[in-house]
Amino acid sequence: MSKSVDLREAAIAYHKAGHIIAESAKVFEVGKKKQEGAVAPK
């Protein structure tokens, strides 16, 4: 039973980490585009 709780906690932590990574990736992409002068949007 405690194992399923651990798995759920891990899933929540993983989901939060994924959100943080996605946000920083988005910010990084925006910063990169600004540096390049927004050349050729895909």
PDB file of N, CA and C in Angstrom:
ATOM      1  N   MET A   1       0.839  -1.201   0.000  1.00  0.00           N
ATOM      2  CA  MET A   1       0.000   0.000   0.000  1.00  0.00           C
ATOM      3  C   MET A   1       0.878   1.256   0.000  1.00  0.00           C
ATOM      4  N   SER A   2       1.906   1.254   0.838  1.00  0.00           N
ATOM      5  CA  SER A   2       2.789   2.427   0.877  1.00  0.00           C
ATOM      6  C   SER A   2       3.504   2.588  -0.459  1.00  0.00           C
ATOM      7  N   LYS A   3       3.671   1.459  -1.181  1.00  0.00           N
ATOM      8  CA  LYS A   3       4.353   1.520  -2.479  1.00  0.00           C
ATOM      9  C   LYS A   3       3.537   2.344  -3.477  1.00  0.00           C
ATOM     10  N   SER A   4       2.224   2.144  -3.493  1.00  0.00           N
ATOM     11  CA  SER A   4       1.378   2.904  -4.421  1.00  0.00           C
ATOM     12  C   SER A   4       1.396   4.391  -4.070  1.00  0.00           C
ATOM     13  N   VAL A   5       1.464   4.707  -2.782  1.00  0.00           N
ATOM     14  CA  VAL A   5       1.543   6.110  -2.355  1.00  0.00           C
ATOM     15  C   VAL A   5       2.855   6.706  -2.848  1.00  0.00           C
ATOM     16  N   ASP A   6       3.956   5.940  -2.717  1.00  0.00           N
ATOM     17  CA  ASP A   6       5.259   6.404  -3.192  1.00  0.00           C
ATOM     18  C   ASP A   6       5.206   6.671  -4.694  1.00  0.00           C
ATOM     19  N   LEU A   7       4.568   5.765  -5.428  1.00  0.00           N
ATOM     20  CA  LEU A   7       4.472   5.915  -6.883  1.00  0.00           C
ATOM     21  C   LEU A   7       3.684   7.164  -7.244  1.00  0.00           C
ATOM     22  N   ARG A   8       2.597   7.399  -6.499  1.00  0.00           N
ATOM     23  CA  ARG A   8       1.785   8.588  -6.775  1.00  0.00           C
ATOM     24  C   ARG A   8       2.586   9.853  -6.482  1.00  0.00           C
ATOM     25  N   GLU A   9       3.303   9.855  -5.356  1.00  0.00           N
ATOM     26  CA  GLU A   9       4.141  11.013  -5.006  1.00  0.00           C
ATOM     27  C   GLU A   9       5.189  11.242  -6.087  1.00  0.00           C
ATOM     28  N   ALA A  10       5.805  10.158  -6.545  1.00  0.00           N
ATOM     29  CA  ALA A  10       6.835  10.259  -7.579  1.00  0.00           C
ATOM     30  C   ALA A  10       6.232  10.801  -8.870  1.00  0.00           C
ATOM     31  N   ALA A  11       5.032  10.337  -9.204  1.00  0.00           N
ATOM     32  CA  ALA A  11       4.365  10.806 -10.423  1.00  0.00           C
ATOM     33  C   ALA A  11       4.076  12.300 -10.336  1.00  0.00           C
ATOM     34  N   ILE A  12       3.627  12.755  -9.171  1.00  0.00           N
ATOM     35  CA  ILE A  12       3.338  14.182  -8.973  1.00  0.00           C
ATOM     36  C   ILE A  12       4.625  14.992  -9.082  1.00  0.00           C
ATOM     37  N   ALA A  13       5.689  14.516  -8.437  1.00  0.00           N
ATOM     38  CA  ALA A  13       6.975  15.218  -8.480  1.00  0.00           C
ATOM     39  C   ALA A  13       7.491  15.271  -9.915  1.00  0.00           C
ATOM     40  N   TYR A  14       7.355  14.138 -10.635  1.00  0.00           N
ATOM     41  CA  TYR A  14       7.809  14.065 -12.027  1.00  0.00           C
ATOM     42  C   TYR A  14       7.018  15.038 -12.890  1.00  0.00           C
ATOM     43  N   HIS A  15       5.714  15.102 -12.673  1.00  0.00           N
ATOM     44  CA  HIS A  15       4.842  15.998 -13.434  1.00  0.00           C
ATOM     45  C   HIS A  15       5.242  17.453 -13.197  1.00  0.00           C
ATOM     46  N   LYS A  16       5.498  17.798 -11.925  1.00  0.00           N
ATOM     47  CA  LYS A  16       5.915  19.168 -11.590  1.00  0.00           C
ATOM     48  C   LYS A  16       7.250  19.488 -12.247  1.00  0.00           C
ATOM     49  N   ALA A  17       8.184  18.534 -12.189  1.00  0.00           N
ATOM     50  CA  ALA A  17       9.504  18.736 -12.798  1.00  0.00           C
ATOM     51  C   ALA A  17       9.339  18.939 -14.300  1.00  0.00           C
ATOM     52  N   GLY A  18       8.443  18.159 -14.917  1.00  0.00           N
ATOM     53  CA  GLY A  18       8.189  18.298 -16.349  1.00  0.00           C
ATOM     54  C   GLY A  18       7.682  19.690 -16.683  1.00  0.00           C
ATOM     55  N   HIS A  19       6.800  20.223 -15.834  1.00  0.00           N
ATOM     56  CA  HIS A  19       6.275  21.577 -16.035  1.00  0.00           C
ATOM     57  C   HIS A  19       7.394  22.601 -15.965  1.00  0.00           C
ATOM     58  N   ILE A  20       8.270  22.453 -14.962  1.00  0.00           N
ATOM     59  CA  ILE A  20       9.381  23.396 -14.775  1.00  0.00           C
ATOM     60  C   ILE A  20      10.311  23.341 -15.982  1.00  0.00           C
ATOM     61  N   ILE A  21      10.616  22.116 -16.438  1.00  0.00           N
ATOM     62  CA  ILE A  21      11.504  21.947 -17.598  1.00  0.00           C
ATOM     63  C   ILE A  21      10.860  22.568 -18.837  1.00  0.00           C
ATOM     64  N   ALA A  22       9.562  22.327 -19.022  1.00  0.00           N
ATOM     65  CA  ALA A  22       8.858  22.881 -20.180  1.00  0.00           C
ATOM     66  C   ALA A  22       8.883  24.406 -20.148  1.00  0.00           C
ATOM     67  N   GLU A  23       8.663  24.973 -18.970  1.00  0.00           N
ATOM     68  CA  GLU A  23       8.667  26.434 -18.830  1.00  0.00           C
ATOM     69  C   GLU A  23      10.033  27.010 -19.157  1.00  0.00           C
ATOM     70  N   SER A  24      11.109  26.411 -18.616  1.00  0.00           N
ATOM     71  CA  SER A  24      12.439  26.951 -18.887  1.00  0.00           C
ATOM     72  C   SER A  24      12.808  26.757 -20.349  1.00  0.00           C
ATOM     73  N   ALA A  25      12.349  25.656 -20.953  1.00  0.00           N
ATOM     74  CA  ALA A  25      12.613  25.433 -22.377  1.00  0.00           C
ATOM     75  C   ALA A  25      11.913  26.505 -23.204  1.00  0.00           C
ATOM     76  N   LYS A  26      10.681  26.850 -22.812  1.00  0.00           N
ATOM     77  CA  LYS A  26       9.916  27.885 -23.515  1.00  0.00           C
ATOM     78  C   LYS A  26      10.639  29.224 -23.407  1.00  0.00           C
ATOM     79  N   VAL A  27      11.065  29.558 -22.193  1.00  0.00           N
ATOM     80  CA  VAL A  27      11.776  30.822 -21.965  1.00  0.00           C
ATOM     81  C   VAL A  27      13.068  30.842 -22.772  1.00  0.00           C
ATOM     82  N   PHE A  28      13.773  29.711 -22.792  1.00  0.00           N
ATOM     83  CA  PHE A  28      15.029  29.604 -23.536  1.00  0.00           C
ATOM     84  C   PHE A  28      14.775  29.823 -25.027  1.00  0.00           C
ATOM     85  N   GLU A  29      13.732  29.182 -25.565  1.00  0.00           N
ATOM     86  CA  GLU A  29      13.397  29.335 -26.987  1.00  0.00           C
ATOM     87  C   GLU A  29      13.077  30.788 -27.319  1.00  0.00           C
ATOM     88  N   VAL A  30      12.284  31.432 -26.470  1.00  0.00           N
ATOM     89  CA  VAL A  30      11.913  32.830 -26.698  1.00  0.00           C
ATOM     90  C   VAL A  30      13.159  33.702 -26.681  1.00  0.00           C
ATOM     91  N   GLY A  31      14.039  33.475 -25.711  1.00  0.00           N
ATOM     92  CA  GLY A  31      15.276  34.247 -25.618  1.00  0.00           C
ATOM     93  C   GLY A  31      16.155  34.037 -26.833  1.00  0.00           C
ATOM     94  N   LYS A  32      16.215  32.790 -27.315  1.00  0.00           N
ATOM     95  CA  LYS A  32      17.021  32.470 -28.488  1.00  0.00           C
ATOM     96  C   LYS A  32      16.470  33.190 -29.714  1.00  0.00           C
ATOM     97  N   LYS A  33      15.152  33.174 -29.870  1.00  0.00           N
ATOM     98  CA  LYS A  33      14.523  33.840 -31.016  1.00  0.00           C
ATOM     99  C   LYS A  33      14.781  35.340 -30.974  1.00  0.00           C
ATOM    100  N   LYS A  34      14.709  35.923 -29.777  1.00  0.00           N
ATOM    101  CA  LYS A  34      14.978  37.360 -29.645  1.00  0.00           C
ATOM    102  C   LYS A  34      16.421  37.663 -30.043  1.00  0.00           C
ATOM    103  N   GLN A  35      17.346  36.799 -29.653  1.00  0.00           N
ATOM    104  CA  GLN A  35      18.757  36.986 -29.996  1.00  0.00           C
ATOM    105  C   GLN A  35      18.943  36.934 -31.507  1.00  0.00           C
ATOM    106  N   GLU A  36      18.272  35.988 -32.157  1.00  0.00           N
ATOM    107  CA  GLU A  36      18.406  35.824 -33.606  1.00  0.00           C
ATOM    108  C   GLU A  36      17.586  36.860 -34.369  1.00  0.00           C
ATOM    109  N   GLY A  37      16.840  37.671 -33.646  1.00  0.00           N
ATOM    110  CA  GLY A  37      15.983  38.654 -34.296  1.00  0.00           C
ATOM    111  C   GLY A  37      14.757  37.994 -34.896  1.00  0.00           C
ATOM    112  N   ALA A  38      14.326  36.890 -34.291  1.00  0.00           N
ATOM    113  CA  ALA A  38      13.142  36.154 -34.746  1.00  0.00           C
ATOM    114  C   ALA A  38      13.242  35.823 -36.223  1.00  0.00           C
ATOM    115  N   VAL A  39      14.336  35.178 -36.607  1.00  0.00           N
ATOM    116  CA  VAL A  39      14.554  34.799 -38.007  1.00  0.00           C
ATOM    117  C   VAL A  39      13.806  33.505 -38.318  1.00  0.00           C
ATOM    118  N   ALA A  40      13.071  33.510 -39.419  1.00  0.00           N
ATOM    119  CA  ALA A  40      12.377  32.332 -39.943  1.00  0.00           C
ATOM    120  C   ALA A  40      11.640  31.542 -38.871  1.00  0.00           C
ATOM    121  N   PRO A  41      10.451  32.008 -38.466  1.00  0.00           N
ATOM    122  CA  PRO A  41       9.667  31.214 -37.517  1.00  0.00           C
ATOM    123  C   PRO A  41       9.212  29.913 -38.163  1.00  0.00           C
ATOM    124  N   LYS A  42       9.287  28.822 -37.408  1.00  0.00           N
ATOM    125  CA  LYS A  42       8.932  27.512 -37.978  1.00  0.00           C
ATOM    126  C   LYS A  42       7.427  27.304 -37.960  1.00  0.00           C
TER     127      LYS A  42
END
